[in-house]
Amino acid sequence: MISNTLIHLLITYKYAILFPLACFEGPIISLFVGFMVFMGYINFLPAYIVLLFGDIIPDSVYYFIGRYGNKTNLLAKYGSKFEFVSKNIKLIEYLWRDHGKKTMFFSKLAYGLSTPFLVSAGLVNMSWRRFISYALPVTILQYAVFMTAGYFLGSSYFVAAKYIQDAGIIIAVLILTAFVFLYKYFSRYAKKKITEMEIEEETKSE
């Protein structure tokens, strides 16, 4: 199982494996890290710092790709993945300029839109300092929430294990189901908010 593999990697390699895992899928990894903190295998503060860097560095890479890459070639090469950005570059510029904090918050929550929006921040020539000032608070909050959830997952596991046979399987299924549901809900909500912001900006420009 994926969960068993992740836990084994974290127990064996700890912080050395945590950074590349965070770069790949930080929010989900942080859930497992919170569980490992409760178990006593990992210390909270260094793990939290590594997770933050594992999110901010890839975000910055996406930003610099948009800022310093060839915009024409970039949009042509990844047109299918960045179709929304390529067709609405002026609108995206307005969103970053007039609603930068909200755009960052919702784009990082909106699954499937995060990467193109992070790249678009560079495409519209937003300064890196401003980009980080928007991204860092969202990242700090996001990982604090996920790690806390993972920590209480560990606590719930041991409480339930006293009363329920095969509690690990049951809790894992319930948590995974709830996590997927909430993740999809917030993703849809974030996309809805971005759409509303688009409509608002289009109305202003008319």
Foldseek 3Di string as FASTA:
>chain_A
DVLVVLLVCCLVPNLVVLLVVLLVPLLVSLLQVLLVCLVVSHPDPVSLVSSLCSPVVNLVVLLVCLQPPDPVVVCVVCVVLLVVCVVCLVLLLCCCVVVVLLLLLLQVLAPSRVSNSSSSCNNSPPDVVVVCVNNNVSSSVSSVVSSNNSNVLNVVQVVVVVPDPVSVVVSVVVVVVVVVVVSVVSNVVSVVVVVVSSVVVVVVVD
